[in-house]
N, C-alpha and C. Protein backbone atom coordinates (compact mmCIF):
# COMPACT_ATOMS: atom_id res chain seq x y z
N UNK A 1 0.70 -1.19 0.31
CA UNK A 1 -0.04 -0.25 0.23
C UNK A 1 0.98 1.39 0.07
N UNK A 2 0.68 2.52 -0.61
CA UNK A 2 1.41 2.88 -0.89
C UNK A 2 0.52 4.50 -0.39
N UNK A 3 1.06 5.07 1.38
CA UNK A 3 0.33 5.87 1.77
C UNK A 3 0.36 6.83 1.45
N UNK A 4 -0.53 7.64 0.93
CA UNK A 4 -0.43 8.99 0.31
C UNK A 4 -1.72 9.98 0.94
N UNK A 5 -2.58 9.75 2.17
CA UNK A 5 -3.81 10.38 2.76
C UNK A 5 -3.03 11.30 3.43
N UNK A 6 -1.61 11.17 4.09
CA UNK A 6 -0.97 11.74 5.42
C UNK A 6 0.50 12.30 4.95
N UNK A 7 0.78 11.66 3.49
CA UNK A 7 2.05 11.22 3.59
C UNK A 7 2.76 12.60 3.23
N UNK A 8 3.99 12.48 1.95
CA UNK A 8 4.75 13.52 1.93
C UNK A 8 4.38 13.82 1.03
N UNK A 9 3.75 13.09 -0.12
CA UNK A 9 3.17 13.20 -1.28
C UNK A 9 2.45 14.26 -1.82
N UNK A 10 0.99 14.25 -0.24
CA UNK A 10 0.43 15.37 -0.55
C UNK A 10 -0.99 14.92 -1.36
N UNK A 11 -1.76 15.62 -0.85
CA UNK A 11 -3.11 15.70 -1.11
C UNK A 11 -3.49 15.71 -2.88
N UNK A 12 -2.76 17.11 -3.14
CA UNK A 12 -3.02 17.70 -4.54
C UNK A 12 -2.43 16.59 -5.46
N UNK A 13 -1.25 16.05 -5.38
CA UNK A 13 -0.43 15.02 -6.28
C UNK A 13 -1.35 14.04 -6.28
N UNK A 14 -2.47 13.46 -5.99
CA UNK A 14 -3.31 12.41 -6.24
C UNK A 14 -4.51 12.65 -6.50
N UNK A 15 -5.22 13.72 -6.53
CA UNK A 15 -6.51 14.12 -6.59
C UNK A 15 -6.79 13.66 -8.04
N UNK A 16 -6.23 13.65 -8.95
CA UNK A 16 -6.86 13.62 -9.85
C UNK A 16 -7.04 12.18 -10.41
N UNK A 17 -5.70 11.26 -9.74
CA UNK A 17 -5.90 9.85 -10.42
C UNK A 17 -7.28 9.05 -9.43
N UNK A 18 -8.06 9.81 -8.23
CA UNK A 18 -8.81 9.88 -7.50
C UNK A 18 -9.68 9.88 -8.20
N UNK A 19 -10.04 11.15 -8.66
CA UNK A 19 -11.06 11.48 -9.46
C UNK A 19 -11.48 10.72 -10.52
N UNK A 20 -10.45 9.93 -11.05
CA UNK A 20 -10.99 8.72 -12.52
C UNK A 20 -11.06 7.78 -11.77
N UNK A 21 -11.20 7.30 -10.82
CA UNK A 21 -11.90 6.02 -10.10
C UNK A 21 -13.53 6.37 -10.19
N UNK A 22 -13.83 7.17 -10.29
CA UNK A 22 -15.62 7.71 -9.98
C UNK A 22 -15.94 7.54 -8.69
N UNK A 23 -16.94 7.05 -8.75
CA UNK A 23 -17.66 6.92 -7.66
C UNK A 23 -17.65 5.36 -7.35
N UNK A 24 -16.64 5.34 -6.16
CA UNK A 24 -16.34 4.53 -5.83
C UNK A 24 -16.72 3.74 -4.78
N UNK A 25 -16.57 1.99 -4.32
CA UNK A 25 -17.55 1.49 -3.35
C UNK A 25 -17.25 1.99 -2.40
N UNK A 26 -16.01 2.64 -1.64
CA UNK A 26 -16.21 3.19 -0.66
C UNK A 26 -17.01 4.23 -0.50
N UNK A 27 -16.86 5.31 -1.52
CA UNK A 27 -18.18 6.71 -1.55
C UNK A 27 -19.47 5.96 -1.57
N UNK A 28 -19.56 4.99 -2.41
CA UNK A 28 -20.85 4.56 -2.16
C UNK A 28 -21.52 4.05 -0.82
N UNK A 29 -20.54 3.46 -0.03
CA UNK A 29 -20.65 3.05 1.61
C UNK A 29 -20.71 4.23 2.15
N UNK A 30 -19.90 5.46 2.08
CA UNK A 30 -19.85 6.87 2.56
C UNK A 30 -21.39 6.88 2.66
N UNK A 31 -22.13 7.27 1.06
CA UNK A 31 -23.43 7.74 0.88
C UNK A 31 -24.73 7.32 1.70
N UNK A 32 -24.44 5.78 1.25
CA UNK A 32 -25.42 4.59 2.43
C UNK A 32 -25.50 4.94 3.87
N UNK A 33 -24.02 5.17 4.39
CA UNK A 33 -24.40 5.80 6.07
C UNK A 33 -25.10 6.62 6.13
N UNK A 34 -24.55 7.96 5.26
CA UNK A 34 -24.76 9.51 5.77
C UNK A 34 -26.47 9.56 5.24
N UNK A 35 -26.36 9.07 3.60
CA UNK A 35 -27.76 9.10 3.34
C UNK A 35 -28.74 8.24 3.76
N UNK A 36 -29.05 6.91 3.96
CA UNK A 36 -30.03 5.91 4.45
C UNK A 36 -29.90 5.93 5.77
N UNK A 37 -28.71 5.65 6.55
CA UNK A 37 -28.76 5.19 8.00
C UNK A 37 -28.44 6.71 8.90
N UNK A 38 -27.93 8.00 8.37
CA UNK A 38 -28.12 8.91 9.64
C UNK A 38 -27.32 9.18 10.31
N UNK A 39 -25.95 8.77 9.68
CA UNK A 39 -24.67 8.69 10.22
C UNK A 39 -23.67 9.60 9.66
N UNK A 40 -23.17 10.34 10.82
CA UNK A 40 -22.02 11.38 10.08
C UNK A 40 -20.82 10.01 9.96
N UNK A 41 -19.96 10.34 8.70
CA UNK A 41 -18.57 9.52 8.42
C UNK A 41 -17.45 10.19 8.53
N UNK A 42 -16.52 10.12 9.01
CA UNK A 42 -15.27 10.39 9.10
C UNK A 42 -14.02 9.77 8.31
N UNK A 43 -13.63 10.55 7.83
CA UNK A 43 -11.97 10.26 7.41
C UNK A 43 -11.29 9.44 8.14
N UNK A 44 -10.64 7.92 7.91
CA UNK A 44 -9.76 7.96 9.07
C UNK A 44 -8.20 6.99 8.38
N UNK A 45 -7.66 7.17 9.34
CA UNK A 45 -5.70 6.65 8.12
C UNK A 45 -6.41 5.32 8.58
N UNK A 46 -5.16 4.80 7.53
CA UNK A 46 -5.49 3.20 7.55
C UNK A 46 -3.53 2.84 7.99
N UNK A 47 -3.36 1.83 8.37
CA UNK A 47 -2.06 0.93 8.42
C UNK A 47 -1.50 -0.24 7.76
N UNK A 48 -0.22 -0.80 7.37
CA UNK A 48 0.37 -1.39 6.94
C UNK A 48 1.32 -1.87 7.66
N UNK A 49 1.78 -2.86 7.69
CA UNK A 49 3.39 -3.70 8.73
C UNK A 49 3.62 -2.73 9.81
N UNK A 50 2.38 -2.19 10.09
CA UNK A 50 2.52 -1.62 11.70
C UNK A 50 2.62 -0.06 11.36
N UNK A 51 2.44 0.43 10.22
CA UNK A 51 3.21 1.86 10.22
C UNK A 51 1.54 2.62 9.92
N UNK A 52 1.35 3.72 10.04
CA UNK A 52 0.42 4.28 10.02
C UNK A 52 0.30 5.48 8.73
N UNK A 53 -0.89 5.51 8.03
CA UNK A 53 -0.50 6.47 7.11
C UNK A 53 -0.53 8.11 7.71
N UNK A 54 -0.92 8.17 8.62
CA UNK A 54 -0.55 9.58 9.05
C UNK A 54 0.70 9.90 9.31
N UNK A 55 1.71 9.33 9.13
CA UNK A 55 2.96 9.52 9.07
C UNK A 55 3.77 9.98 10.46
N UNK A 56 2.58 9.58 11.33
CA UNK A 56 3.43 9.79 12.78
C UNK A 56 4.19 8.36 12.91
N UNK A 57 5.00 8.16 13.13
CA UNK A 57 6.28 7.11 13.62
C UNK A 57 6.01 6.79 15.24
N UNK A 58 5.34 7.16 15.68
CA UNK A 58 4.77 7.37 17.29
C UNK A 58 3.55 6.70 17.38
N UNK A 59 2.47 6.90 16.24
CA UNK A 59 1.16 6.94 16.26
C UNK A 59 1.04 5.70 17.56
N UNK A 60 0.05 6.09 18.27
CA UNK A 60 -0.73 5.48 19.02
C UNK A 60 -1.48 4.37 18.58
N UNK A 61 -2.77 4.50 17.65
CA UNK A 61 -3.32 3.72 16.76
C UNK A 61 -3.03 3.81 15.71
N UNK A 62 -1.88 3.09 14.84
CA UNK A 62 -2.11 2.90 13.36
C UNK A 62 -3.41 2.14 12.74
N UNK A 63 -3.48 3.11 11.99
CA UNK A 63 -5.00 2.77 11.06
C UNK A 63 -6.11 2.96 11.89
N UNK A 64 -6.49 3.56 12.82
CA UNK A 64 -7.45 3.39 13.62
C UNK A 64 -8.01 4.99 14.45
N UNK A 65 -7.62 5.89 13.46
CA UNK A 65 -8.13 7.11 14.52
C UNK A 65 -8.68 7.96 12.88
N UNK A 66 -9.20 8.93 13.21
CA UNK A 66 -9.23 10.46 12.22
C UNK A 66 -7.93 11.58 11.73
N UNK A 67 -8.52 11.22 10.47
CA UNK A 67 -7.00 12.20 10.18
C UNK A 67 -7.69 13.39 10.16
N UNK A 68 -6.43 14.01 10.64
CA UNK A 68 -6.31 15.32 11.35
C UNK A 68 -7.41 16.46 10.26
N UNK A 69 -6.69 16.78 9.12
CA UNK A 69 -6.92 17.38 8.29
C UNK A 69 -8.72 17.56 7.53
N UNK A 70 -8.87 16.13 8.01
CA UNK A 70 -10.32 15.73 6.61
C UNK A 70 -11.44 16.22 7.40
N UNK A 71 -12.30 16.48 6.45
CA UNK A 71 -13.67 17.29 6.89
C UNK A 71 -14.54 15.91 6.99
N UNK A 72 -15.49 16.02 7.80
CA UNK A 72 -16.32 14.86 8.16
C UNK A 72 -17.35 14.98 6.94
N UNK A 73 -17.88 14.08 6.98
CA UNK A 73 -19.09 13.57 5.77
C UNK A 73 -20.43 13.65 6.74
N UNK A 74 -21.29 14.94 6.87
CA UNK A 74 -21.99 15.43 7.62
C UNK A 74 -23.44 14.06 7.20
N UNK A 75 -23.93 13.89 8.11
CA UNK A 75 -25.54 12.64 7.68
C UNK A 75 -26.20 13.32 7.15
N UNK A 76 -27.43 12.80 5.92
CA UNK A 76 -27.43 13.68 5.27
C UNK A 76 -26.61 13.58 3.71
N UNK A 77 -25.74 13.20 3.95
CA UNK A 77 -25.01 13.82 2.13
C UNK A 77 -25.31 12.94 1.60
N UNK A 78 -25.64 13.34 0.09
CA UNK A 78 -25.94 12.15 -1.18
C UNK A 78 -24.66 11.29 -1.36
N UNK A 79 -25.34 10.74 -2.46
CA UNK A 79 -24.58 9.60 -3.01
C UNK A 79 -22.83 11.20 -3.67
N UNK A 80 -23.70 12.23 -4.30
CA UNK A 80 -22.57 12.94 -5.18
C UNK A 80 -21.83 13.56 -4.54
N UNK A 81 -22.51 14.24 -3.17
CA UNK A 81 -21.91 14.69 -2.45
C UNK A 81 -20.50 14.11 -1.23
N UNK A 82 -20.87 12.97 -0.91
CA UNK A 82 -19.99 11.58 -0.87
C UNK A 82 -18.80 11.65 -1.67
N UNK A 83 -19.24 11.29 -3.02
CA UNK A 83 -18.06 10.91 -3.66
C UNK A 83 -16.99 12.35 -3.85
N UNK A 84 -17.46 13.47 -4.10
CA UNK A 84 -16.82 14.63 -4.14
C UNK A 84 -16.20 14.62 -2.93
N UNK A 85 -16.56 14.23 -1.71
CA UNK A 85 -15.85 14.56 -0.22
C UNK A 85 -14.72 13.54 0.06
N UNK A 86 -14.69 11.83 -0.55
CA UNK A 86 -13.94 10.91 -0.68
C UNK A 86 -12.55 11.10 -1.78
N UNK A 87 -13.25 11.61 -2.81
CA UNK A 87 -12.24 12.33 -3.70
C UNK A 87 -10.83 13.16 -3.22
N UNK A 88 -11.41 14.16 -2.24
CA UNK A 88 -10.34 14.60 -1.39
C UNK A 88 -9.29 13.49 -0.61
N UNK A 89 -9.67 12.87 -0.26
CA UNK A 89 -9.24 11.56 0.90
C UNK A 89 -8.98 10.32 0.16
N UNK A 90 -8.57 9.62 -0.89
CA UNK A 90 -8.50 8.51 -1.57
C UNK A 90 -7.37 7.63 -0.38
N UNK A 91 -8.63 6.44 -0.38
CA UNK A 91 -7.36 5.45 0.77
C UNK A 91 -7.93 5.91 2.12
N UNK A 92 -8.61 6.76 2.34
CA UNK A 92 -9.00 6.60 3.58
C UNK A 92 -9.75 5.59 4.33
N UNK A 93 -9.93 5.34 5.52
CA UNK A 93 -10.84 4.63 6.16
C UNK A 93 -12.43 4.89 6.52
N UNK A 94 -13.59 4.28 6.45
CA UNK A 94 -14.33 5.43 7.09
C UNK A 94 -13.83 4.88 8.38
N UNK A 95 -14.98 6.13 9.09
CA UNK A 95 -15.01 5.82 10.63
C UNK A 95 -16.63 6.65 11.21
N UNK A 96 -16.80 5.89 12.20
CA UNK A 96 -17.83 6.49 12.42
C UNK A 96 -18.08 6.86 13.87
N UNK A 97 -18.73 8.10 14.33
CA UNK A 97 -18.35 8.40 15.67
C UNK A 97 -19.09 8.53 16.55
N UNK A 98 -19.15 7.81 17.33
CA UNK A 98 -19.81 7.61 18.69
C UNK A 98 -19.94 8.57 19.29
N UNK A 99 -21.24 8.27 20.40
CA UNK A 99 -21.97 9.61 21.25
C UNK A 99 -22.89 10.25 20.86
N UNK A 100 -23.29 10.23 19.25
CA UNK A 100 -24.53 10.91 18.65
C UNK A 100 -25.99 10.27 18.48
N UNK A 101 -25.92 9.71 17.29
CA UNK A 101 -27.16 8.24 17.21
C UNK A 101 -26.62 7.01 18.01
N UNK A 102 -25.86 6.68 18.62
CA UNK A 102 -25.14 5.66 19.20
C UNK A 102 -24.23 5.33 20.15
N UNK A 103 -23.91 4.72 21.24
CA UNK A 103 -22.65 4.43 21.68
C UNK A 103 -23.05 2.89 21.60
N UNK A 104 -21.77 2.59 21.68
CA UNK A 104 -20.94 1.12 21.31
C UNK A 104 -20.41 0.44 22.51
N UNK A 105 -21.41 -1.05 22.65
CA UNK A 105 -20.57 -1.83 23.73
C UNK A 105 -19.50 -2.71 23.02
N UNK A 106 -18.56 -2.62 23.22
CA UNK A 106 -17.67 -3.35 22.84
C UNK A 106 -17.26 -4.52 23.93
N UNK A 107 -17.28 -5.82 23.26
CA UNK A 107 -16.80 -6.99 23.95
C UNK A 107 -15.60 -7.73 22.80
N UNK A 108 -14.53 -8.88 23.72
CA UNK A 108 -14.48 -9.84 22.89
C UNK A 108 -15.17 -10.52 21.90
N UNK A 109 -14.35 -10.63 21.11
CA UNK A 109 -15.86 -11.42 19.46
C UNK A 109 -16.21 -12.73 20.27
N UNK A 110 -15.50 -13.48 20.77
CA UNK A 110 -15.97 -14.96 21.38
C UNK A 110 -17.39 -14.72 22.09
N UNK A 111 -16.89 -13.89 23.04
CA UNK A 111 -18.29 -13.68 23.84
C UNK A 111 -19.26 -13.39 23.00
N UNK A 112 -18.64 -12.18 22.74
CA UNK A 112 -19.91 -11.33 21.72
C UNK A 112 -20.85 -12.03 20.94
N UNK A 113 -20.10 -13.00 20.28
CA UNK A 113 -20.83 -13.97 18.89
C UNK A 113 -21.80 -14.60 19.93
N UNK A 114 -21.52 -15.55 21.05
CA UNK A 114 -22.52 -16.12 21.94
C UNK A 114 -24.14 -15.43 22.49
N UNK A 115 -23.29 -14.05 22.93
CA UNK A 115 -24.08 -13.67 23.59
C UNK A 115 -25.52 -12.86 22.49
N UNK A 116 -24.72 -13.00 21.21
CA UNK A 116 -25.83 -12.42 20.67
C UNK A 116 -26.57 -13.80 19.78
N UNK A 117 -25.83 -14.39 19.81
CA UNK A 117 -27.21 -15.94 19.53
C UNK A 117 -27.83 -15.90 20.72
N UNK A 118 -27.30 -15.92 21.88
CA UNK A 118 -28.33 -16.20 23.04
C UNK A 118 -29.54 -15.11 22.66
N UNK A 119 -28.79 -13.36 22.30
CA UNK A 119 -29.86 -12.45 22.44
C UNK A 119 -31.20 -13.09 21.71
N UNK A 120 -30.40 -13.20 20.56
CA UNK A 120 -31.68 -13.39 19.11
C UNK A 120 -32.68 -14.35 19.10
N UNK A 121 -32.10 -15.62 19.98
CA UNK A 121 -32.96 -16.95 20.44
C UNK A 121 -34.24 -16.07 21.79
N UNK A 122 -33.63 -15.06 22.67
CA UNK A 122 -34.54 -14.38 23.79
C UNK A 122 -35.67 -13.11 22.73
N UNK A 123 -34.95 -13.39 21.71
CA UNK A 123 -35.97 -12.35 21.40
C UNK A 123 -35.71 -10.58 21.78
N UNK A 124 -34.50 -10.48 22.22
CA UNK A 124 -34.33 -9.13 22.41
C UNK A 124 -33.81 -7.96 21.61
N UNK A 125 -34.19 -6.92 21.46
CA UNK A 125 -34.22 -5.85 20.71
C UNK A 125 -32.78 -5.96 20.26
N UNK A 126 -32.01 -5.50 18.88
CA UNK A 126 -31.24 -5.37 18.65
C UNK A 126 -30.93 -4.32 17.64
N UNK A 127 -29.62 -3.90 17.77
CA UNK A 127 -29.87 -2.97 16.20
C UNK A 127 -28.25 -3.47 16.07
N UNK A 128 -27.07 -2.65 14.98
CA UNK A 128 -26.59 -3.44 14.01
C UNK A 128 -25.42 -3.29 15.23
N UNK A 129 -24.53 -4.90 14.64
CA UNK A 129 -23.10 -5.70 15.54
C UNK A 129 -21.66 -5.86 14.41
N UNK A 130 -20.89 -5.72 14.95
CA UNK A 130 -20.21 -5.69 14.15
C UNK A 130 -19.01 -6.36 14.82
N UNK A 131 -18.45 -6.84 13.82
CA UNK A 131 -17.24 -7.65 14.32
C UNK A 131 -15.70 -7.02 13.90
N UNK A 132 -14.63 -7.27 14.37
CA UNK A 132 -13.27 -6.31 14.02
C UNK A 132 -12.53 -7.34 14.08
N UNK A 133 -11.31 -7.42 13.05
CA UNK A 133 -10.27 -8.22 12.70
C UNK A 133 -9.17 -8.35 13.67
N UNK A 134 -9.44 -7.29 15.05
CA UNK A 134 -8.61 -7.38 16.34
C UNK A 134 -9.54 -8.12 17.10
N UNK A 135 -10.27 -9.02 16.92
CA UNK A 135 -11.16 -10.04 17.84
C UNK A 135 -12.12 -9.06 18.87
N UNK A 136 -12.82 -7.95 18.10
CA UNK A 136 -13.67 -7.61 19.18
C UNK A 136 -15.23 -7.45 18.24
N UNK A 137 -16.04 -7.78 19.26
CA UNK A 137 -17.47 -7.22 18.79
C UNK A 137 -18.32 -6.11 19.17
N UNK A 138 -18.97 -5.66 18.44
CA UNK A 138 -19.14 -3.96 18.44
C UNK A 138 -20.81 -3.93 18.40
N UNK A 139 -21.56 -3.78 19.72
CA UNK A 139 -22.95 -3.50 19.57
C UNK A 139 -23.54 -2.23 19.82
N UNK A 140 -24.32 -1.89 18.56
CA UNK A 140 -24.81 -0.47 18.79
C UNK A 140 -25.77 -0.39 19.58
N UNK A 141 -25.97 0.59 20.66
CA UNK A 141 -26.58 0.60 21.15
C UNK A 141 -27.42 2.62 21.62
N UNK A 142 -28.48 2.93 22.39
CA UNK A 142 -28.55 4.03 22.68
C UNK A 142 -27.45 5.20 22.77
N UNK A 143 -27.37 6.28 22.40
CA UNK A 143 -26.40 7.52 23.22
C UNK A 143 -26.61 7.42 24.30
N UNK A 144 -25.68 7.60 25.41
CA UNK A 144 -25.86 7.93 26.53
C UNK A 144 -25.30 6.68 27.33
N UNK A 145 -25.20 5.65 26.35
CA UNK A 145 -24.78 4.57 27.55
C UNK A 145 -23.49 4.50 28.07
N UNK A 146 -22.25 4.82 27.36
CA UNK A 146 -21.14 5.18 27.96
C UNK A 146 -20.92 5.88 29.35
N UNK A 147 -21.44 6.88 29.66
CA UNK A 147 -21.80 7.59 30.64
C UNK A 147 -22.64 6.80 31.77
N UNK A 148 -23.35 6.13 31.28
CA UNK A 148 -24.35 5.33 32.29
C UNK A 148 -23.58 3.70 32.43
N UNK A 149 -22.77 3.46 31.88
CA UNK A 149 -22.52 2.23 32.02
C UNK A 149 -21.79 1.90 33.43
N UNK A 150 -21.28 2.51 33.85
CA UNK A 150 -20.76 2.03 35.94
C UNK A 150 -22.25 1.67 36.56
N UNK A 151 -23.15 3.11 36.46
CA UNK A 151 -24.40 2.73 37.06
C UNK A 151 -24.91 1.77 36.64
N UNK A 152 -25.36 1.17 35.49
CA UNK A 152 -25.79 0.26 35.21
C UNK A 152 -25.24 -1.06 35.48
N UNK A 153 -24.07 -1.58 35.51
CA UNK A 153 -23.43 -2.55 36.00
C UNK A 153 -23.16 -2.60 37.72
N UNK A 154 -23.38 -1.13 38.17
CA UNK A 154 -23.33 -1.70 39.53
C UNK A 154 -24.96 -1.95 40.20
N UNK A 155 -25.82 -1.46 39.20
CA UNK A 155 -27.32 -2.24 39.76
C UNK A 155 -27.52 -3.54 39.33
N UNK A 156 -26.82 -4.20 38.28
CA UNK A 156 -26.74 -5.80 37.50
C UNK A 156 -26.16 -6.16 38.30
N UNK A 157 -24.85 -5.39 39.62
CA UNK A 157 -24.55 -7.12 40.81
C UNK A 157 -23.18 -6.72 39.71
N UNK A 158 -22.81 -6.34 38.81
CA UNK A 158 -21.81 -6.86 38.06
C UNK A 158 -20.24 -5.81 37.82
N UNK A 159 -20.46 -4.82 38.81
CA UNK A 159 -19.96 -3.71 38.73
C UNK A 159 -18.12 -4.05 39.49
N UNK A 160 -18.40 -5.37 40.39
CA UNK A 160 -17.04 -6.02 40.80
C UNK A 160 -16.29 -7.09 40.30
N UNK A 161 -17.02 -7.12 38.75
CA UNK A 161 -16.51 -8.39 38.11
C UNK A 161 -15.93 -7.78 37.21
N UNK A 162 -14.73 -8.79 36.55
CA UNK A 162 -13.35 -8.78 35.91
C UNK A 162 -13.74 -8.47 34.52
N UNK A 163 -15.11 -8.03 34.22
CA UNK A 163 -15.23 -7.95 32.33
C UNK A 163 -14.41 -7.45 31.51
N UNK A 164 -14.52 -8.09 30.30
CA UNK A 164 -13.67 -7.39 28.67
C UNK A 164 -14.92 -7.06 28.19
N UNK A 165 -15.38 -5.99 28.93
CA UNK A 165 -16.52 -4.88 28.58
C UNK A 165 -15.96 -3.52 28.59
N UNK A 166 -16.32 -2.41 27.47
CA UNK A 166 -16.69 -1.52 27.85
C UNK A 166 -17.48 -0.46 26.89
N UNK A 167 -17.76 0.40 26.84
CA UNK A 167 -18.30 1.42 26.04
C UNK A 167 -17.94 2.63 25.13
N UNK A 168 -18.16 2.84 24.82
CA UNK A 168 -17.69 3.90 23.58
C UNK A 168 -18.45 5.03 23.54
N UNK A 169 -18.64 6.09 23.73
CA UNK A 169 -19.15 7.08 23.08
C UNK A 169 -18.66 8.55 22.75
N UNK A 170 -18.81 9.84 23.17
CA UNK A 170 -18.72 10.93 22.66
C UNK A 170 -17.07 10.81 22.91
N UNK A 171 -16.45 11.26 21.75
CA UNK A 171 -15.10 11.60 21.12
C UNK A 171 -14.25 10.28 20.90
N UNK A 172 -15.01 9.16 21.06
CA UNK A 172 -14.56 7.54 20.50
C UNK A 172 -15.29 7.67 19.14
N UNK A 173 -14.37 6.69 18.31
CA UNK A 173 -14.83 6.54 16.69
C UNK A 173 -14.64 4.62 16.27
N UNK A 174 -15.49 4.63 16.05
CA UNK A 174 -15.37 2.98 15.31
C UNK A 174 -14.72 2.99 13.67
N UNK A 175 -14.16 1.73 13.23
CA UNK A 175 -13.96 1.71 11.98
C UNK A 175 -15.27 0.70 11.25
N UNK A 176 -15.80 1.34 10.04
CA UNK A 176 -17.20 1.14 9.88
C UNK A 176 -16.74 0.06 8.46
N UNK A 177 -17.83 -1.48 8.53
CA UNK A 177 -17.47 -2.30 6.86
C UNK A 177 -18.06 -1.21 5.73
N UNK A 178 -16.87 -1.39 4.66
CA UNK A 178 -16.15 -2.30 4.51
C UNK A 178 -14.69 -1.96 4.86
N UNK A 179 -14.51 -1.31 5.63
CA UNK A 179 -12.77 -0.53 5.79
C UNK A 179 -12.21 -1.67 6.33
N UNK A 180 -10.45 -1.30 6.40
CA UNK A 180 -9.84 -2.34 7.14
C UNK A 180 -9.53 -1.53 8.60
N UNK A 181 -9.11 -2.29 9.69
CA UNK A 181 -8.59 -1.66 10.64
C UNK A 181 -7.25 -2.15 10.90
N UNK A 182 -6.64 -0.96 11.16
CA UNK A 182 -5.04 -1.26 11.95
C UNK A 182 -4.66 -2.44 10.89
N UNK A 183 -4.50 -2.16 9.58
CA UNK A 183 -3.67 -3.20 8.78
C UNK A 183 -3.87 -4.38 8.80
N UNK A 184 -5.22 -4.86 9.52
CA UNK A 184 -5.46 -6.53 9.82
C UNK A 184 -6.14 -6.93 9.13
N UNK A 185 -7.06 -6.03 8.40
CA UNK A 185 -8.42 -7.14 7.31
C UNK A 185 -9.61 -6.27 7.67
N UNK A 186 -10.72 -6.39 6.96
CA UNK A 186 -11.80 -5.37 7.18
C UNK A 186 -12.55 -5.54 8.48
N UNK A 187 -13.39 -4.84 8.56
CA UNK A 187 -14.54 -5.20 9.67
C UNK A 187 -15.59 -5.37 8.78
N UNK A 188 -16.75 -6.27 9.59
CA UNK A 188 -17.93 -6.78 9.16
C UNK A 188 -18.91 -6.73 10.23
N UNK A 189 -20.40 -6.79 9.14
CA UNK A 189 -21.48 -6.77 10.02
C UNK A 189 -21.70 -7.75 10.14
N UNK A 190 -22.00 -8.18 12.02
CA UNK A 190 -22.89 -9.60 11.69
C UNK A 190 -24.24 -9.42 11.86
N UNK A 191 -24.68 -7.95 12.61
CA UNK A 191 -26.18 -8.12 11.94
C UNK A 191 -26.27 -6.05 11.58
N UNK A 192 -26.28 -6.37 9.98
CA UNK A 192 -26.41 -4.71 8.91
C UNK A 192 -27.32 -4.34 9.92
N UNK A 193 -27.31 -2.78 9.94
CA UNK A 193 -28.32 -1.77 10.26
C UNK A 193 -29.48 -1.70 9.12
N UNK A 194 -30.52 -1.49 9.65
CA UNK A 194 -31.75 -1.30 9.14
C UNK A 194 -32.37 0.35 9.60
N UNK A 195 -33.66 0.23 8.73
CA UNK A 195 -34.21 1.61 9.26
C UNK A 195 -35.02 1.68 10.06
N UNK A 196 -35.04 0.74 10.85
CA UNK A 196 -35.69 0.61 11.97
C UNK A 196 -34.38 0.91 13.29
N UNK A 197 -33.29 0.77 13.39
CA UNK A 197 -32.70 0.09 14.02
C UNK A 197 -31.20 1.28 13.95
N UNK A 198 -30.85 1.88 13.10
CA UNK A 198 -29.91 2.68 12.58
C UNK A 198 -29.93 3.53 13.44
N UNK A 199 -30.97 4.38 13.79
CA UNK A 199 -30.83 5.74 14.34
C UNK A 199 -31.41 5.68 15.61
N UNK A 200 -32.35 4.41 15.99
CA UNK A 200 -33.02 4.42 17.25
C UNK A 200 -32.62 2.68 17.56
N UNK A 201 -31.49 2.42 18.15
CA UNK A 201 -31.22 1.43 18.80
C UNK A 201 -31.36 1.08 20.31
N UNK A 202 -31.39 -0.20 20.56
CA UNK A 202 -31.42 -0.33 21.87
C UNK A 202 -31.24 0.11 22.80
N UNK A 203 -31.71 0.79 24.11
CA UNK A 203 -31.09 0.95 25.15
C UNK A 203 -30.13 0.02 25.90
N UNK A 204 -28.81 0.36 25.99
CA UNK A 204 -27.92 -0.96 26.71
C UNK A 204 -28.21 -1.76 27.86
N UNK A 205 -29.01 -0.94 28.63
CA UNK A 205 -29.69 -1.99 29.52
C UNK A 205 -30.16 -3.44 29.11
N UNK A 206 -30.98 -3.33 27.84
CA UNK A 206 -31.37 -4.57 27.69
C UNK A 206 -30.64 -5.65 27.20
N UNK A 207 -29.67 -5.26 26.80
CA UNK A 207 -28.49 -5.98 26.37
C UNK A 207 -27.47 -6.28 27.35
N UNK A 208 -27.05 -5.36 28.32
CA UNK A 208 -25.84 -5.59 29.20
C UNK A 208 -25.82 -6.50 29.98
N UNK A 209 -27.26 -6.67 30.50
CA UNK A 209 -26.91 -8.36 31.56
C UNK A 209 -26.48 -9.42 30.64
N UNK A 210 -26.96 -9.94 29.44
CA UNK A 210 -26.69 -11.00 28.57
C UNK A 210 -24.91 -11.13 28.55
N UNK A 211 -24.58 -9.38 27.84
CA UNK A 211 -23.25 -9.16 27.86
C UNK A 211 -22.60 -10.10 28.81
N UNK A 212 -22.90 -8.86 29.97
CA UNK A 212 -22.06 -9.12 31.11
C UNK A 212 -21.89 -10.42 31.64
N UNK A 213 -23.09 -11.49 31.32
CA UNK A 213 -22.98 -12.35 31.81
C UNK A 213 -22.32 -13.55 30.93
N UNK A 214 -22.40 -13.32 29.76
CA UNK A 214 -22.01 -13.98 28.65
C UNK A 214 -19.77 -13.66 28.53
N UNK A 215 -19.74 -12.25 29.10
CA UNK A 215 -18.72 -12.10 28.96
C UNK A 215 -17.79 -12.62 30.68
N UNK A 216 -18.15 -13.07 31.51
CA UNK A 216 -17.84 -13.58 32.93
C UNK A 216 -17.89 -14.60 33.08
N UNK A 217 -18.61 -15.45 32.06
CA UNK A 217 -18.57 -17.02 31.86
C UNK A 217 -17.48 -17.37 31.10
N UNK A 218 -17.15 -16.64 29.77
CA UNK A 218 -16.24 -16.69 28.60
C UNK A 218 -14.81 -16.55 29.94
N UNK A 219 -14.92 -15.22 30.39
CA UNK A 219 -13.57 -15.31 31.10
C UNK A 219 -13.10 -15.64 32.00
N UNK A 220 -14.10 -16.71 32.57
CA UNK A 220 -13.81 -17.94 33.82
C UNK A 220 -13.47 -19.32 33.02
């Protein structure tokens, strides 16, 4: 991979080639997220061989953070608008900001997949769920969950348990399918978004008990 989105060659030198590609798959995905699901999309860095396209040799999150110079594609952007925006950042990954229309319950992949099967059998309301190549499952839940997580775990009796479970909220971002994360491979949907759940995912409390239980069992 030749890094150009944050390296020494500069944006101006690569715009012509990117525009010739027209409406790429990534631009189409951006337009789906913004226009259909109502999510903003932020251009992100990519990584290969442990090196980040941002050009910082000491990058703390190679291939998994927003590009500081790139503009957010806002919710509601059309395919044409998304295509034009992405032509300015060829090769960027797709990042979704948490804390707006959703927060993220993030757990180990083994526990997450087991919990997802149990939740489906129980008929619990579910939003989108994705799996990352670094072994995590990410459950979309209603915004505000990150702030409420300690209280919710306390009320459910899981506050003193050693759980591999965290919640991402304002200021956090997740890599969206079909983008590569950290040079490890693409993020994939386990449950893709739908019109019913994209902007109205379930409250965290409805899923947290099952997730905490499965995380505890998996850790044991």
